[in-house]
Amino acid sequence: MHQPATPLDTSTGSTQEALSLLETIGTHAWGATAHQLAADTGMPLGRTRDLLHTLALTGYVTPGPARTWRLGDRLEFLARRQAHQTRLAGA
């Protein structure tokens, strides 16, 4: 289970919270509900929902069946870019 972010300032705290949500969603093979994610991260449910909707607008998460949330296509794109950069750096 991830520990809740301890914000140094509002911007850093929001970033830490969003990354914590992404990491936590990644631990649930079939996705997770907002309630599960709030419990796992220690974030308030309202904050969890707000961040999920923001992440969905940018493609980092996507809604799944039964009110679950899953990792989005944007993360797959970034993973491919990272792998490409790693190959180039090793060449």
C-alpha atoms as a PDB file:
ATOM      1  CA  MET A   1       0.000   0.000   0.000  1.00  0.00           C
ATOM      2  CA  HIS A   2       1.246   3.472  -0.851  1.00  0.00           C
ATOM      3  CA  GLN A   3       1.606   6.125   1.789  1.00  0.00           C
ATOM      4  CA  PRO A   4      -0.310   9.354   1.179  1.00  0.00           C
ATOM      5  CA  ALA A   5       1.760  12.128  -0.306  1.00  0.00           C
ATOM      6  CA  THR A   6       3.061  14.772   2.053  1.00  0.00           C
ATOM      7  CA  PRO A   7       2.794  17.921  -0.023  1.00  0.00           C
ATOM      8  CA  LEU A   8       5.667  20.361   0.108  1.00  0.00           C
ATOM      9  CA  ASP A   9       3.488  22.819  -1.746  1.00  0.00           C
ATOM     10  CA  THR A  10       0.196  22.536  -3.632  1.00  0.00           C
ATOM     11  CA  SER A  11       1.779  21.750  -6.996  1.00  0.00           C
ATOM     12  CA  THR A  12       4.203  19.158  -5.651  1.00  0.00           C
ATOM     13  CA  GLY A  13       1.484  17.599  -3.507  1.00  0.00           C
ATOM     14  CA  SER A  14      -0.894  17.267  -6.449  1.00  0.00           C
ATOM     15  CA  THR A  15       1.799  15.688  -8.568  1.00  0.00           C
ATOM     16  CA  GLN A  16       2.703  13.229  -5.822  1.00  0.00           C
ATOM     17  CA  GLU A  17      -0.955  12.339  -5.312  1.00  0.00           C
ATOM     18  CA  ALA A  18      -1.530  11.774  -9.028  1.00  0.00           C
ATOM     19  CA  LEU A  19       1.566   9.589  -9.329  1.00  0.00           C
ATOM     20  CA  SER A  20       0.522   7.640  -6.245  1.00  0.00           C
ATOM     21  CA  LEU A  21      -2.871   6.992  -7.851  1.00  0.00           C
ATOM     22  CA  LEU A  22      -1.249   5.782 -11.086  1.00  0.00           C
ATOM     23  CA  GLU A  23       1.075   3.450  -9.191  1.00  0.00           C
ATOM     24  CA  THR A  24      -1.798   2.129  -7.104  1.00  0.00           C
ATOM     25  CA  ILE A  25      -4.031   1.524 -10.128  1.00  0.00           C
ATOM     26  CA  GLY A  26      -1.134  -0.431 -11.617  1.00  0.00           C
ATOM     27  CA  THR A  27      -1.236  -2.849  -8.682  1.00  0.00           C
ATOM     28  CA  HIS A  28      -4.842  -3.832  -9.462  1.00  0.00           C
ATOM     29  CA  ALA A  29      -4.902  -6.223 -12.433  1.00  0.00           C
ATOM     30  CA  TRP A  30      -8.561  -5.513 -13.277  1.00  0.00           C
ATOM     31  CA  GLY A  31      -8.619  -1.872 -12.225  1.00  0.00           C
ATOM     32  CA  ALA A  32      -9.900  -0.380  -8.991  1.00  0.00           C
ATOM     33  CA  THR A  33     -12.817   1.731  -7.867  1.00  0.00           C
ATOM     34  CA  ALA A  34     -12.347   5.241  -6.536  1.00  0.00           C
ATOM     35  CA  HIS A  35     -13.262   3.906  -3.091  1.00  0.00           C
ATOM     36  CA  GLN A  36     -10.525   1.244  -3.289  1.00  0.00           C
ATOM     37  CA  LEU A  37      -7.980   3.774  -4.500  1.00  0.00           C
ATOM     38  CA  ALA A  38      -8.857   6.252  -1.754  1.00  0.00           C
ATOM     39  CA  ALA A  39      -8.469   3.518   0.853  1.00  0.00           C
ATOM     40  CA  ASP A  40      -5.197   2.272  -0.644  1.00  0.00           C
ATOM     41  CA  THR A  41      -3.611   5.721  -0.905  1.00  0.00           C
ATOM     42  CA  GLY A  42      -5.098   7.316   2.201  1.00  0.00           C
ATOM     43  CA  MET A  43      -6.476  10.202   0.144  1.00  0.00           C
ATOM     44  CA  PRO A  44      -9.969  11.554   0.748  1.00  0.00           C
ATOM     45  CA  LEU A  45     -12.535  10.102  -1.673  1.00  0.00           C
ATOM     46  CA  GLY A  46     -13.410  13.498  -3.166  1.00  0.00           C
ATOM     47  CA  ARG A  47      -9.751  14.273  -3.870  1.00  0.00           C
ATOM     48  CA  THR A  48      -9.286  10.819  -5.387  1.00  0.00           C
ATOM     49  CA  ARG A  49     -12.251  11.351  -7.707  1.00  0.00           C
ATOM     50  CA  ASP A  50     -11.051  14.813  -8.735  1.00  0.00           C
ATOM     51  CA  LEU A  51      -7.604  13.488  -9.620  1.00  0.00           C
ATOM     52  CA  LEU A  52      -9.045  10.492 -11.496  1.00  0.00           C
ATOM     53  CA  HIS A  53     -11.166  12.771 -13.650  1.00  0.00           C
ATOM     54  CA  THR A  54      -8.187  15.023 -14.404  1.00  0.00           C
ATOM     55  CA  LEU A  55      -6.038  11.994 -15.265  1.00  0.00           C
ATOM     56  CA  ALA A  56      -8.840  10.671 -17.495  1.00  0.00           C
ATOM     57  CA  LEU A  57      -9.041  13.958 -19.416  1.00  0.00           C
ATOM     58  CA  THR A  58      -5.355  13.630 -20.261  1.00  0.00           C
ATOM     59  CA  GLY A  59      -5.513   9.915 -21.119  1.00  0.00           C
ATOM     60  CA  TYR A  60      -3.479   8.629 -18.178  1.00  0.00           C
ATOM     61  CA  VAL A  61      -6.403   6.622 -16.774  1.00  0.00           C
ATOM     62  CA  THR A  62      -9.542   5.255 -18.339  1.00  0.00           C
ATOM     63  CA  PRO A  63     -12.822   4.157 -16.814  1.00  0.00           C
ATOM     64  CA  GLY A  64     -13.429   0.414 -16.854  1.00  0.00           C
ATOM     65  CA  PRO A  65     -16.396  -1.806 -16.105  1.00  0.00           C
ATOM     66  CA  ALA A  66     -18.167  -1.710 -12.733  1.00  0.00           C
ATOM     67  CA  ARG A  67     -16.936   1.828 -11.949  1.00  0.00           C
ATOM     68  CA  THR A  68     -13.303   0.804 -11.988  1.00  0.00           C
ATOM     69  CA  TRP A  69     -10.367   2.831 -13.230  1.00  0.00           C
ATOM     70  CA  ARG A  70      -7.488   1.416 -15.277  1.00  0.00           C
ATOM     71  CA  LEU A  71      -4.224   2.792 -16.606  1.00  0.00           C
ATOM     72  CA  GLY A  72      -4.747   4.711 -19.832  1.00  0.00           C
ATOM     73  CA  ASP A  73      -3.233   4.650 -23.297  1.00  0.00           C
ATOM     74  CA  ARG A  74      -1.105   7.723 -22.619  1.00  0.00           C
ATOM     75  CA  LEU A  75       1.026   5.697 -20.197  1.00  0.00           C
ATOM     76  CA  GLU A  76       1.590   3.008 -22.823  1.00  0.00           C
ATOM     77  CA  PHE A  77       2.751   5.703 -25.247  1.00  0.00           C
ATOM     78  CA  LEU A  78       5.191   7.066 -22.663  1.00  0.00           C
ATOM     79  CA  ALA A  79       6.501   3.581 -21.904  1.00  0.00           C
ATOM     80  CA  ARG A  80       7.218   3.017 -25.612  1.00  0.00           C
ATOM     81  CA  ARG A  81       9.009   6.379 -25.836  1.00  0.00           C
ATOM     82  CA  GLN A  82      11.080   5.548 -22.742  1.00  0.00           C
ATOM     83  CA  ALA A  83      12.087   2.176 -24.217  1.00  0.00           C
ATOM     84  CA  HIS A  84      13.079   3.903 -27.457  1.00  0.00           C
ATOM     85  CA  GLN A  85      15.186   6.481 -25.601  1.00  0.00           C
ATOM     86  CA  THR A  86      16.844   3.714 -23.603  1.00  0.00           C
ATOM     87  CA  ARG A  87      17.750   1.846 -26.809  1.00  0.00           C
ATOM     88  CA  LEU A  88      19.175   5.024 -28.334  1.00  0.00           C
ATOM     89  CA  ALA A  89      21.229   5.791 -25.226  1.00  0.00           C
ATOM     90  CA  GLY A  90      22.719   2.282 -25.327  1.00  0.00           C
ATOM     91  CA  ALA A  91      23.636   2.480 -29.013  1.00  0.00           C
END
